[in-house]
Amino acid sequence: MKPSRKVNRLLPRGLLSAAILAAAGCGYMLFEAQWLRLRRRRLEIPGLPPELDGLTLLHISDLHGGAWGPAAKAIRKLVKASRRADADLVLFTGDMTDKKKDLRPFLPLLAEIGARYGKFAVLGNHDHGLRKTVLQDLVRRLTGRNRRGPKEYPTEALSKTVSMNRELLSQAGIRLLENECATVMTRGGGVQVCGMDDFQYGYADFEATASQVDRGVGLRLLLTHSPDAADLLPHETYNLVLAGHTHGGQICIPHPTRGKILLSTSGSGYGAGIYHVGGLTMHVSPGVGTTLLPFRFLSRPEITLLELVSSQ
C-alpha cells in the first residue's frame, strides 16, 4: 500500500521541525556552557575557631583550559566574577587543562585572580593527560559497576608534566600542592591547606599528606580532584574537603521526583554541592569548563564563594 500524498508532505515538515529543535537545543547548551555564575554559600564548620568565622574561600575547579568550545569564554568571565568575590583564599581542585593542553595562554587571566592570603591548586586526571569517556561512565552506571576507588593505572610520576604545571602555575601566583600541606596566616589565625594529587588514577598519597597535618591549626583544608577520595580519609584529620571532577553531571535530564538525572559524574558517586561524609564536610564544585562535548544542560559553570561560619 503506497503512502498517501498527505503523509509524504508531513514527513519533510517533521524532519525540519526535529532539525530546528535539535539546533536550538545545541545552541542553548553552548550558551549555558559559558553562562558562568558566582554562587555564594554559607558553610557551617564544626570546631571552627571564632576568630576564623567569616573566612571566605573561592572554590574553582575543572577549567579545562585548551578545550575546544566555550571553555575559554567561561575562563575569561571568571576573572571578573573573582573580583566580585573578593576572597581570602582561592583554591583550585584540578583539571586546569584539558588532557594536558598547554596552560600558557591562560596564565595572564589566572594571574589576575586575586586573594588576600594565597592561591593553591592540585592536579586532576586531565592535567596528567588521562581521561575517562562519558560512554564508559554511562556503561558503569547502567550496569551498576560504578567502582568508587582508584583505578588500576600505572602510578609512575609524570615528572615532566608535574614540573611544567608547577612552574606555570607559579608564574600566575598559584602554588601547586602535590601530596603536601602549606600553612598560611590570616587575620583570624593559621589555616592549613593540604593538597592530594589525582586520586582516580592512583597518584594520591593519603599517608604522606596526612602526616603533614598540624592538628593544632584551627582550620585544616584538603584539596582533591576526585570527591571519592573523601570515603577513604581518616576522620577528624581535616575540617573541610574541596573537590571537583564531576562537572555536576555536565548534561542533566529533568526528573519529576529526583529533580534531575546526571548523565555523567566522571565515575564518581557524588554530583555537586555540599556533602557530609562521616565526620567530614565536603564541597564538590560543578566546575567551569567542559570535556568531550562543549555542552552543559541544567548544570551551569560555577565558581563558589564559601563563607565559613562556626557550627553551634
C-alpha atoms as a PDB file:
ATOM      1  CA  MET A   1       0.000   0.000   0.000  1.00  0.00           C
ATOM      2  CA  LYS A   2       1.515   3.315  -1.094  1.00  0.00           C
ATOM      3  CA  PRO A   3       1.684   6.126   1.481  1.00  0.00           C
ATOM      4  CA  SER A   4      -0.741   8.930   0.856  1.00  0.00           C
ATOM      5  CA  ARG A   5       0.376  12.288  -0.511  1.00  0.00           C
ATOM      6  CA  LYS A   6      -0.569  13.877   2.827  1.00  0.00           C
ATOM      7  CA  VAL A   7       1.860  11.616   4.717  1.00  0.00           C
ATOM      8  CA  ASN A   8       4.590  12.370   2.169  1.00  0.00           C
ATOM      9  CA  ARG A   9       4.072  16.080   2.754  1.00  0.00           C
ATOM     10  CA  LEU A  10       4.162  15.690   6.558  1.00  0.00           C
ATOM     11  CA  LEU A  11       7.431  13.746   6.659  1.00  0.00           C
ATOM     12  CA  PRO A  12       9.675  16.604   5.458  1.00  0.00           C
ATOM     13  CA  ARG A  13       7.921  19.009   7.831  1.00  0.00           C
ATOM     14  CA  GLY A  14       8.517  16.647  10.742  1.00  0.00           C
ATOM     15  CA  LEU A  15      12.184  16.267   9.881  1.00  0.00           C
ATOM     16  CA  LEU A  16      12.569  20.022   9.536  1.00  0.00           C
ATOM     17  CA  SER A  17      10.920  20.588  12.931  1.00  0.00           C
ATOM     18  CA  ALA A  18      13.188  17.990  14.534  1.00  0.00           C
ATOM     19  CA  ALA A  19      16.260  19.615  12.969  1.00  0.00           C
ATOM     20  CA  ILE A  20      15.210  23.050  14.229  1.00  0.00           C
ATOM     21  CA  LEU A  21      14.618  21.719  17.752  1.00  0.00           C
ATOM     22  CA  ALA A  22      17.983  19.935  17.741  1.00  0.00           C
ATOM     23  CA  ALA A  23      19.776  23.072  16.551  1.00  0.00           C
ATOM     24  CA  ALA A  24      18.012  25.175  19.188  1.00  0.00           C
ATOM     25  CA  GLY A  25      18.907  22.649  21.875  1.00  0.00           C
ATOM     26  CA  CYS A  26      22.576  22.603  20.882  1.00  0.00           C
ATOM     27  CA  GLY A  27      22.596  26.397  20.745  1.00  0.00           C
ATOM     28  CA  TYR A  28      21.206  26.655  24.261  1.00  0.00           C
ATOM     29  CA  MET A  29      23.667  24.082  25.645  1.00  0.00           C
ATOM     30  CA  LEU A  30      26.543  26.022  24.081  1.00  0.00           C
ATOM     31  CA  PHE A  31      25.191  29.165  25.716  1.00  0.00           C
ATOM     32  CA  GLU A  32      24.800  27.518  29.128  1.00  0.00           C
ATOM     33  CA  ALA A  33      28.363  26.195  28.932  1.00  0.00           C
ATOM     34  CA  GLN A  34      29.645  29.788  29.092  1.00  0.00           C
ATOM     35  CA  TRP A  35      26.891  31.147  31.387  1.00  0.00           C
ATOM     36  CA  LEU A  36      29.211  31.322  34.372  1.00  0.00           C
ATOM     37  CA  ARG A  37      27.837  32.260  37.763  1.00  0.00           C
ATOM     38  CA  LEU A  38      29.355  33.248  41.077  1.00  0.00           C
ATOM     39  CA  ARG A  39      27.467  31.340  43.757  1.00  0.00           C
ATOM     40  CA  ARG A  40      27.696  32.293  47.425  1.00  0.00           C
ATOM     41  CA  ARG A  41      27.258  29.724  50.188  1.00  0.00           C
ATOM     42  CA  ARG A  42      27.478  29.951  53.977  1.00  0.00           C
ATOM     43  CA  LEU A  43      29.051  26.788  55.266  1.00  0.00           C
ATOM     44  CA  GLU A  44      28.983  25.689  58.900  1.00  0.00           C
ATOM     45  CA  ILE A  45      32.228  24.071  60.001  1.00  0.00           C
ATOM     46  CA  PRO A  46      32.197  22.146  63.301  1.00  0.00           C
ATOM     47  CA  GLY A  47      35.022  23.253  65.554  1.00  0.00           C
ATOM     48  CA  LEU A  48      35.893  26.335  63.526  1.00  0.00           C
ATOM     49  CA  PRO A  49      37.646  28.828  65.858  1.00  0.00           C
ATOM     50  CA  PRO A  50      35.575  32.019  66.342  1.00  0.00           C
ATOM     51  CA  GLU A  51      38.453  34.143  65.062  1.00  0.00           C
ATOM     52  CA  LEU A  52      38.178  32.397  61.673  1.00  0.00           C
ATOM     53  CA  ASP A  53      34.444  32.949  61.458  1.00  0.00           C
ATOM     54  CA  GLY A  54      33.649  34.692  58.171  1.00  0.00           C
ATOM     55  CA  LEU A  55      36.752  33.469  56.299  1.00  0.00           C
ATOM     56  CA  THR A  56      35.970  33.231  52.589  1.00  0.00           C
ATOM     57  CA  LEU A  57      37.207  30.590  50.149  1.00  0.00           C
ATOM     58  CA  LEU A  58      36.740  30.885  46.390  1.00  0.00           C
ATOM     59  CA  HIS A  59      36.461  27.337  45.058  1.00  0.00           C
ATOM     60  CA  ILE A  60      37.306  26.962  41.348  1.00  0.00           C
ATOM     61  CA  SER A  61      37.554  23.650  39.529  1.00  0.00           C
ATOM     62  CA  ASP A  62      37.808  21.986  36.127  1.00  0.00           C
ATOM     63  CA  LEU A  63      38.808  24.907  33.939  1.00  0.00           C
ATOM     64  CA  HIS A  64      39.774  22.529  31.112  1.00  0.00           C
ATOM     65  CA  GLY A  65      41.863  25.280  29.568  1.00  0.00           C
ATOM     66  CA  GLY A  66      42.596  24.473  25.957  1.00  0.00           C
ATOM     67  CA  ALA A  67      39.394  22.519  25.333  1.00  0.00           C
ATOM     68  CA  TRP A  68      37.606  23.489  22.125  1.00  0.00           C
ATOM     69  CA  GLY A  69      34.307  25.307  22.518  1.00  0.00           C
ATOM     70  CA  PRO A  70      33.068  27.761  25.133  1.00  0.00           C
ATOM     71  CA  ALA A  71      35.508  26.848  27.938  1.00  0.00           C
ATOM     72  CA  ALA A  72      37.817  29.773  27.119  1.00  0.00           C
ATOM     73  CA  LYS A  73      34.920  32.255  27.369  1.00  0.00           C
ATOM     74  CA  ALA A  74      33.921  30.878  30.746  1.00  0.00           C
ATOM     75  CA  ILE A  75      37.514  31.225  31.984  1.00  0.00           C
ATOM     76  CA  ARG A  76      37.619  34.858  30.889  1.00  0.00           C
ATOM     77  CA  LYS A  77      34.363  35.548  32.707  1.00  0.00           C
ATOM     78  CA  LEU A  78      35.584  34.020  35.940  1.00  0.00           C
ATOM     79  CA  VAL A  79      38.226  36.747  36.338  1.00  0.00           C
ATOM     80  CA  LYS A  80      35.525  39.425  36.672  1.00  0.00           C
ATOM     81  CA  ALA A  81      33.494  37.160  38.934  1.00  0.00           C
ATOM     82  CA  SER A  82      36.511  36.566  41.176  1.00  0.00           C
ATOM     83  CA  ARG A  83      36.876  40.320  41.673  1.00  0.00           C
ATOM     84  CA  ARG A  84      33.305  40.464  42.958  1.00  0.00           C
ATOM     85  CA  ALA A  85      34.038  37.537  45.274  1.00  0.00           C
ATOM     86  CA  ASP A  86      36.992  39.343  46.924  1.00  0.00           C
ATOM     87  CA  ALA A  87      38.063  36.085  48.616  1.00  0.00           C
ATOM     88  CA  ASP A  88      40.582  35.424  51.352  1.00  0.00           C
ATOM     89  CA  LEU A  89      41.836  32.223  49.677  1.00  0.00           C
ATOM     90  CA  VAL A  90      41.409  30.955  46.106  1.00  0.00           C
ATOM     91  CA  LEU A  91      41.506  27.170  45.770  1.00  0.00           C
ATOM     92  CA  PHE A  92      41.635  25.176  42.506  1.00  0.00           C
ATOM     93  CA  THR A  93      40.727  21.478  42.581  1.00  0.00           C
ATOM     94  CA  GLY A  94      42.260  20.127  39.398  1.00  0.00           C
ATOM     95  CA  ASP A  95      41.833  19.745  35.656  1.00  0.00           C
ATOM     96  CA  MET A  96      43.360  23.128  34.977  1.00  0.00           C
ATOM     97  CA  THR A  97      43.983  21.949  31.407  1.00  0.00           C
ATOM     98  CA  ASP A  98      42.176  19.587  29.055  1.00  0.00           C
ATOM     99  CA  LYS A  99      44.142  16.400  28.509  1.00  0.00           C
ATOM    100  CA  LYS A 100      47.478  18.080  29.177  1.00  0.00           C
ATOM    101  CA  LYS A 101      46.894  21.038  26.864  1.00  0.00           C
ATOM    102  CA  ASP A 102      49.249  23.959  27.391  1.00  0.00           C
ATOM    103  CA  LEU A 103      48.212  26.296  30.179  1.00  0.00           C
ATOM    104  CA  ARG A 104      50.330  29.243  28.980  1.00  0.00           C
ATOM    105  CA  PRO A 105      47.567  31.145  27.115  1.00  0.00           C
ATOM    106  CA  PHE A 106      45.563  31.377  30.340  1.00  0.00           C
ATOM    107  CA  LEU A 107      48.342  32.448  32.710  1.00  0.00           C
ATOM    108  CA  PRO A 108      47.618  36.212  32.429  1.00  0.00           C
ATOM    109  CA  LEU A 109      43.980  35.542  33.328  1.00  0.00           C
ATOM    110  CA  LEU A 110      44.855  33.295  36.255  1.00  0.00           C
ATOM    111  CA  ALA A 111      47.350  35.867  37.498  1.00  0.00           C
ATOM    112  CA  GLU A 112      44.547  38.477  37.615  1.00  0.00           C
ATOM    113  CA  ILE A 113      42.567  36.412  40.109  1.00  0.00           C
ATOM    114  CA  GLY A 114      43.294  37.961  43.481  1.00  0.00           C
ATOM    115  CA  ALA A 115      43.306  36.521  47.003  1.00  0.00           C
ATOM    116  CA  ARG A 116      44.314  38.114  50.301  1.00  0.00           C
ATOM    117  CA  TYR A 117      46.232  35.138  51.639  1.00  0.00           C
ATOM    118  CA  GLY A 118      47.130  32.980  48.668  1.00  0.00           C
ATOM    119  CA  LYS A 119      46.106  30.769  45.746  1.00  0.00           C
ATOM    120  CA  PHE A 120      46.572  26.995  45.784  1.00  0.00           C
ATOM    121  CA  ALA A 121      45.876  24.158  43.349  1.00  0.00           C
ATOM    122  CA  VAL A 122      46.035  20.388  42.894  1.00  0.00           C
ATOM    123  CA  LEU A 123      46.248  18.360  39.692  1.00  0.00           C
ATOM    124  CA  GLY A 124      43.425  16.343  38.151  1.00  0.00           C
ATOM    125  CA  ASN A 125      43.379  13.430  35.738  1.00  0.00           C
ATOM    126  CA  HIS A 126      43.391  15.709  32.661  1.00  0.00           C
ATOM    127  CA  ASP A 127      46.441  17.537  33.982  1.00  0.00           C
ATOM    128  CA  HIS A 128      48.199  14.170  33.813  1.00  0.00           C
ATOM    129  CA  GLY A 129      46.871  13.577  30.307  1.00  0.00           C
ATOM    130  CA  LEU A 130      44.319  10.978  31.440  1.00  0.00           C
ATOM    131  CA  ARG A 131      40.575  10.869  30.995  1.00  0.00           C
ATOM    132  CA  LYS A 132      37.627   8.502  31.058  1.00  0.00           C
ATOM    133  CA  THR A 133      34.906   8.944  28.461  1.00  0.00           C
ATOM    134  CA  VAL A 134      31.260   9.703  29.110  1.00  0.00           C
ATOM    135  CA  LEU A 135      30.369   6.419  27.379  1.00  0.00           C
ATOM    136  CA  GLN A 136      32.467   4.441  29.861  1.00  0.00           C
ATOM    137  CA  ASP A 137      30.804   6.301  32.716  1.00  0.00           C
ATOM    138  CA  LEU A 138      27.295   5.562  31.391  1.00  0.00           C
ATOM    139  CA  VAL A 139      28.072   1.858  30.984  1.00  0.00           C
ATOM    140  CA  ARG A 140      29.341   1.611  34.542  1.00  0.00           C
ATOM    141  CA  ARG A 141      26.304   3.453  35.924  1.00  0.00           C
ATOM    142  CA  LEU A 142      23.811   1.383  33.905  1.00  0.00           C
ATOM    143  CA  THR A 143      25.443  -1.920  34.855  1.00  0.00           C
ATOM    144  CA  GLY A 144      25.913  -0.965  38.495  1.00  0.00           C
ATOM    145  CA  ARG A 145      29.670  -1.328  38.196  1.00  0.00           C
ATOM    146  CA  ASN A 146      30.491   2.222  39.178  1.00  0.00           C
ATOM    147  CA  ARG A 147      33.642   1.450  41.098  1.00  0.00           C
ATOM    148  CA  ARG A 148      34.375   4.078  43.722  1.00  0.00           C
ATOM    149  CA  GLY A 149      38.081   3.706  44.189  1.00  0.00           C
ATOM    150  CA  PRO A 150      41.382   4.447  42.483  1.00  0.00           C
ATOM    151  CA  LYS A 151      41.656   2.866  39.057  1.00  0.00           C
ATOM    152  CA  GLU A 152      44.376   0.324  38.359  1.00  0.00           C
ATOM    153  CA  TYR A 153      46.696   2.551  36.431  1.00  0.00           C
ATOM    154  CA  PRO A 154      50.477   2.906  36.365  1.00  0.00           C
ATOM    155  CA  THR A 155      51.466   5.237  39.201  1.00  0.00           C
ATOM    156  CA  GLU A 156      54.842   6.292  37.785  1.00  0.00           C
ATOM    157  CA  ALA A 157      55.046  10.029  38.306  1.00  0.00           C
ATOM    158  CA  LEU A 158      54.757  12.071  35.142  1.00  0.00           C
ATOM    159  CA  SER A 159      57.551  14.289  36.417  1.00  0.00           C
ATOM    160  CA  LYS A 160      57.789  16.468  33.335  1.00  0.00           C
ATOM    161  CA  THR A 161      54.071  17.259  33.409  1.00  0.00           C
ATOM    162  CA  VAL A 162      54.072  17.996  37.122  1.00  0.00           C
ATOM    163  CA  SER A 163      57.186  20.168  36.873  1.00  0.00           C
ATOM    164  CA  MET A 164      55.737  22.088  33.945  1.00  0.00           C
ATOM    165  CA  ASN A 165      52.431  22.711  35.721  1.00  0.00           C
ATOM    166  CA  ARG A 166      54.162  23.704  38.936  1.00  0.00           C
ATOM    167  CA  GLU A 167      56.291  26.270  37.090  1.00  0.00           C
ATOM    168  CA  LEU A 168      53.416  27.646  35.021  1.00  0.00           C
ATOM    169  CA  LEU A 169      51.054  27.954  37.980  1.00  0.00           C
ATOM    170  CA  SER A 170      53.800  29.622  39.988  1.00  0.00           C
ATOM    171  CA  GLN A 171      54.032  32.302  37.303  1.00  0.00           C
ATOM    172  CA  ALA A 172      50.342  33.037  37.972  1.00  0.00           C
ATOM    173  CA  GLY A 173      50.924  33.204  41.729  1.00  0.00           C
ATOM    174  CA  ILE A 174      49.337  29.792  42.323  1.00  0.00           C
ATOM    175  CA  ARG A 175      51.108  27.213  44.476  1.00  0.00           C
ATOM    176  CA  LEU A 176      50.690  23.613  43.335  1.00  0.00           C
ATOM    177  CA  LEU A 177      50.281  21.129  46.184  1.00  0.00           C
ATOM    178  CA  GLU A 178      51.347  17.572  45.329  1.00  0.00           C
ATOM    179  CA  ASN A 179      50.568  15.399  48.381  1.00  0.00           C
ATOM    180  CA  GLU A 180      51.733  18.213  50.625  1.00  0.00           C
ATOM    181  CA  CYS A 181      50.471  20.889  53.009  1.00  0.00           C
ATOM    182  CA  ALA A 182      51.061  24.608  53.400  1.00  0.00           C
ATOM    183  CA  THR A 183      50.161  26.847  56.322  1.00  0.00           C
ATOM    184  CA  VAL A 184      49.119  30.467  55.797  1.00  0.00           C
ATOM    185  CA  MET A 185      48.422  33.144  58.370  1.00  0.00           C
ATOM    186  CA  THR A 186      45.145  35.033  58.010  1.00  0.00           C
ATOM    187  CA  ARG A 187      43.624  37.829  60.029  1.00  0.00           C
ATOM    188  CA  GLY A 188      41.977  35.183  62.213  1.00  0.00           C
ATOM    189  CA  GLY A 189      44.969  32.877  62.630  1.00  0.00           C
ATOM    190  CA  GLY A 190      46.544  29.949  60.884  1.00  0.00           C
ATOM    191  CA  VAL A 191      44.927  27.941  58.097  1.00  0.00           C
ATOM    192  CA  GLN A 192      46.493  24.771  56.732  1.00  0.00           C
ATOM    193  CA  VAL A 193      45.832  23.957  53.072  1.00  0.00           C
ATOM    194  CA  CYS A 194      46.670  20.386  52.056  1.00  0.00           C
ATOM    195  CA  GLY A 195      46.504  19.054  48.520  1.00  0.00           C
ATOM    196  CA  MET A 196      46.474  15.495  47.201  1.00  0.00           C
ATOM    197  CA  ASP A 197      47.406  14.568  43.659  1.00  0.00           C
ATOM    198  CA  ASP A 198      44.808  12.844  41.477  1.00  0.00           C
ATOM    199  CA  PHE A 199      43.071  10.012  43.337  1.00  0.00           C
ATOM    200  CA  GLN A 200      41.238   8.413  40.420  1.00  0.00           C
ATOM    201  CA  TYR A 201      44.400   7.215  38.684  1.00  0.00           C
ATOM    202  CA  GLY A 202      46.454   6.395  41.752  1.00  0.00           C
ATOM    203  CA  TYR A 203      48.636   9.479  42.230  1.00  0.00           C
ATOM    204  CA  ALA A 204      47.177  10.390  45.649  1.00  0.00           C
ATOM    205  CA  ASP A 205      49.251   9.632  48.734  1.00  0.00           C
ATOM    206  CA  PHE A 206      46.914   9.681  51.729  1.00  0.00           C
ATOM    207  CA  GLU A 207      49.570   8.874  54.315  1.00  0.00           C
ATOM    208  CA  ALA A 208      52.163  11.357  53.118  1.00  0.00           C
ATOM    209  CA  THR A 209      49.588  14.152  53.075  1.00  0.00           C
ATOM    210  CA  ALA A 210      48.042  13.303  56.454  1.00  0.00           C
ATOM    211  CA  SER A 211      51.490  13.056  58.083  1.00  0.00           C
ATOM    212  CA  GLN A 212      51.986  16.776  57.437  1.00  0.00           C
ATOM    213  CA  VAL A 213      48.705  17.830  59.051  1.00  0.00           C
ATOM    214  CA  ASP A 214      49.050  20.034  62.111  1.00  0.00           C
ATOM    215  CA  ARG A 215      46.042  19.333  64.327  1.00  0.00           C
ATOM    216  CA  GLY A 216      46.855  22.423  66.334  1.00  0.00           C
ATOM    217  CA  VAL A 217      45.779  24.601  63.386  1.00  0.00           C
ATOM    218  CA  GLY A 218      42.173  25.742  63.713  1.00  0.00           C
ATOM    219  CA  LEU A 219      41.212  25.132  60.077  1.00  0.00           C
ATOM    220  CA  ARG A 220      42.598  22.262  58.011  1.00  0.00           C
ATOM    221  CA  LEU A 221      41.528  22.119  54.361  1.00  0.00           C
ATOM    222  CA  LEU A 222      42.084  19.323  51.874  1.00  0.00           C
ATOM    223  CA  LEU A 223      42.017  19.850  48.115  1.00  0.00           C
ATOM    224  CA  THR A 224      41.412  16.760  45.986  1.00  0.00           C
ATOM    225  CA  HIS A 225      40.248  16.460  42.405  1.00  0.00           C
ATOM    226  CA  SER A 226      38.032  13.391  42.836  1.00  0.00           C
ATOM    227  CA  PRO A 227      35.416  13.619  45.625  1.00  0.00           C
ATOM    228  CA  ASP A 228      35.517   9.826  46.070  1.00  0.00           C
ATOM    229  CA  ALA A 229      38.772  10.289  47.977  1.00  0.00           C
ATOM    230  CA  ALA A 230      36.667  11.543  50.909  1.00  0.00           C
ATOM    231  CA  ASP A 231      35.405   7.995  51.524  1.00  0.00           C
ATOM    232  CA  LEU A 232      38.933   6.900  52.458  1.00  0.00           C
ATOM    233  CA  LEU A 233      40.043   9.900  54.505  1.00  0.00           C
ATOM    234  CA  PRO A 234      40.705   9.487  58.244  1.00  0.00           C
ATOM    235  CA  HIS A 235      38.073  11.319  60.263  1.00  0.00           C
ATOM    236  CA  GLU A 236      38.980  14.452  62.230  1.00  0.00           C
ATOM    237  CA  THR A 237      42.109  15.000  60.154  1.00  0.00           C
ATOM    238  CA  TYR A 238      40.535  17.740  58.016  1.00  0.00           C
ATOM    239  CA  ASN A 239      37.703  20.186  58.719  1.00  0.00           C
ATOM    240  CA  LEU A 240      36.712  20.689  55.097  1.00  0.00           C
ATOM    241  CA  VAL A 241      37.339  18.903  51.799  1.00  0.00           C
ATOM    242  CA  LEU A 242      37.052  20.646  48.414  1.00  0.00           C
ATOM    243  CA  ALA A 243      36.709  18.577  45.232  1.00  0.00           C
ATOM    244  CA  GLY A 244      35.605  18.823  41.603  1.00  0.00           C
ATOM    245  CA  HIS A 245      35.826  16.342  38.699  1.00  0.00           C
ATOM    246  CA  THR A 246      32.083  15.696  38.224  1.00  0.00           C
ATOM    247  CA  HIS A 247      31.041  18.867  36.316  1.00  0.00           C
ATOM    248  CA  GLY A 248      27.736  18.496  38.180  1.00  0.00           C
ATOM    249  CA  GLY A 249      26.808  15.943  35.516  1.00  0.00           C
ATOM    250  CA  GLN A 250      27.532  18.496  32.756  1.00  0.00           C
ATOM    251  CA  ILE A 251      24.417  17.371  30.853  1.00  0.00           C
ATOM    252  CA  CYS A 252      21.428  16.558  33.048  1.00  0.00           C
ATOM    253  CA  ILE A 253      17.888  15.360  32.362  1.00  0.00           C
ATOM    254  CA  PRO A 254      14.897  16.805  34.304  1.00  0.00           C
ATOM    255  CA  HIS A 255      13.119  14.244  36.501  1.00  0.00           C
ATOM    256  CA  PRO A 256       9.711  14.710  38.205  1.00  0.00           C
ATOM    257  CA  THR A 257      10.821  13.326  41.587  1.00  0.00           C
ATOM    258  CA  ARG A 258      14.625  13.358  41.583  1.00  0.00           C
ATOM    259  CA  GLY A 259      14.974  16.899  40.246  1.00  0.00           C
ATOM    260  CA  LYS A 260      17.438  15.898  37.572  1.00  0.00           C
ATOM    261  CA  ILE A 261      19.450  12.908  36.436  1.00  0.00           C
ATOM    262  CA  LEU A 262      23.166  13.482  35.993  1.00  0.00           C
ATOM    263  CA  LEU A 263      24.273  11.782  32.796  1.00  0.00           C
ATOM    264  CA  SER A 264      27.916  11.698  33.817  1.00  0.00           C
ATOM    265  CA  THR A 265      29.801  12.278  37.045  1.00  0.00           C
ATOM    266  CA  SER A 266      33.104  11.045  35.577  1.00  0.00           C
ATOM    267  CA  GLY A 267      32.828   7.817  37.521  1.00  0.00           C
ATOM    268  CA  SER A 268      32.237   9.468  40.904  1.00  0.00           C
ATOM    269  CA  GLY A 269      29.482   8.619  43.348  1.00  0.00           C
ATOM    270  CA  TYR A 270      28.944  12.348  44.016  1.00  0.00           C
ATOM    271  CA  GLY A 271      27.420  15.120  41.931  1.00  0.00           C
ATOM    272  CA  ALA A 272      27.814  18.715  43.095  1.00  0.00           C
ATOM    273  CA  GLY A 273      27.107  20.705  46.251  1.00  0.00           C
ATOM    274  CA  ILE A 274      27.676  20.094  49.957  1.00  0.00           C
ATOM    275  CA  TYR A 275      28.054  16.600  51.399  1.00  0.00           C
ATOM    276  CA  HIS A 276      28.678  15.236  54.870  1.00  0.00           C
ATOM    277  CA  VAL A 277      30.871  12.149  54.699  1.00  0.00           C
ATOM    278  CA  GLY A 278      31.309  10.660  58.137  1.00  0.00           C
ATOM    279  CA  GLY A 279      32.737  13.494  60.172  1.00  0.00           C
ATOM    280  CA  LEU A 280      33.824  15.442  57.098  1.00  0.00           C
ATOM    281  CA  THR A 281      32.172  18.345  55.318  1.00  0.00           C
ATOM    282  CA  MET A 282      32.832  18.396  51.575  1.00  0.00           C
ATOM    283  CA  HIS A 283      32.001  20.831  48.798  1.00  0.00           C
ATOM    284  CA  VAL A 284      32.000  19.463  45.241  1.00  0.00           C
ATOM    285  CA  SER A 285      32.238  22.131  42.544  1.00  0.00           C
ATOM    286  CA  PRO A 286      30.282  21.793  39.276  1.00  0.00           C
ATOM    287  CA  GLY A 287      33.332  23.324  37.604  1.00  0.00           C
ATOM    288  CA  VAL A 288      33.908  25.907  34.905  1.00  0.00           C
ATOM    289  CA  GLY A 289      34.787  24.085  31.676  1.00  0.00           C
ATOM    290  CA  THR A 290      33.526  21.114  29.716  1.00  0.00           C
ATOM    291  CA  THR A 291      35.046  17.905  28.456  1.00  0.00           C
ATOM    292  CA  LEU A 292      34.376  15.682  25.447  1.00  0.00           C
ATOM    293  CA  LEU A 293      31.307  17.727  24.424  1.00  0.00           C
ATOM    294  CA  PRO A 294      31.253  21.550  24.603  1.00  0.00           C
ATOM    295  CA  PHE A 295      27.766  21.490  26.144  1.00  0.00           C
ATOM    296  CA  ARG A 296      26.110  21.950  29.515  1.00  0.00           C
ATOM    297  CA  PHE A 297      22.455  21.460  30.374  1.00  0.00           C
ATOM    298  CA  LEU A 298      20.943  22.118  33.815  1.00  0.00           C
ATOM    299  CA  SER A 299      24.491  22.359  35.144  1.00  0.00           C
ATOM    300  CA  ARG A 300      25.782  25.905  34.786  1.00  0.00           C
ATOM    301  CA  PRO A 301      29.512  26.546  35.116  1.00  0.00           C
ATOM    302  CA  GLU A 302      30.180  27.972  38.540  1.00  0.00           C
ATOM    303  CA  ILE A 303      32.771  29.347  40.889  1.00  0.00           C
ATOM    304  CA  THR A 304      31.679  29.188  44.510  1.00  0.00           C
ATOM    305  CA  LEU A 305      32.420  31.613  47.330  1.00  0.00           C
ATOM    306  CA  LEU A 306      32.254  29.695  50.598  1.00  0.00           C
ATOM    307  CA  GLU A 307      31.844  31.802  53.741  1.00  0.00           C
ATOM    308  CA  LEU A 308      32.843  29.689  56.715  1.00  0.00           C
ATOM    309  CA  VAL A 309      30.919  30.064  59.963  1.00  0.00           C
ATOM    310  CA  SER A 310      31.233  28.330  63.305  1.00  0.00           C
ATOM    311  CA  SER A 311      28.796  25.475  63.834  1.00  0.00           C
ATOM    312  CA  GLN A 312      26.770  25.805  67.029  1.00  0.00           C
END
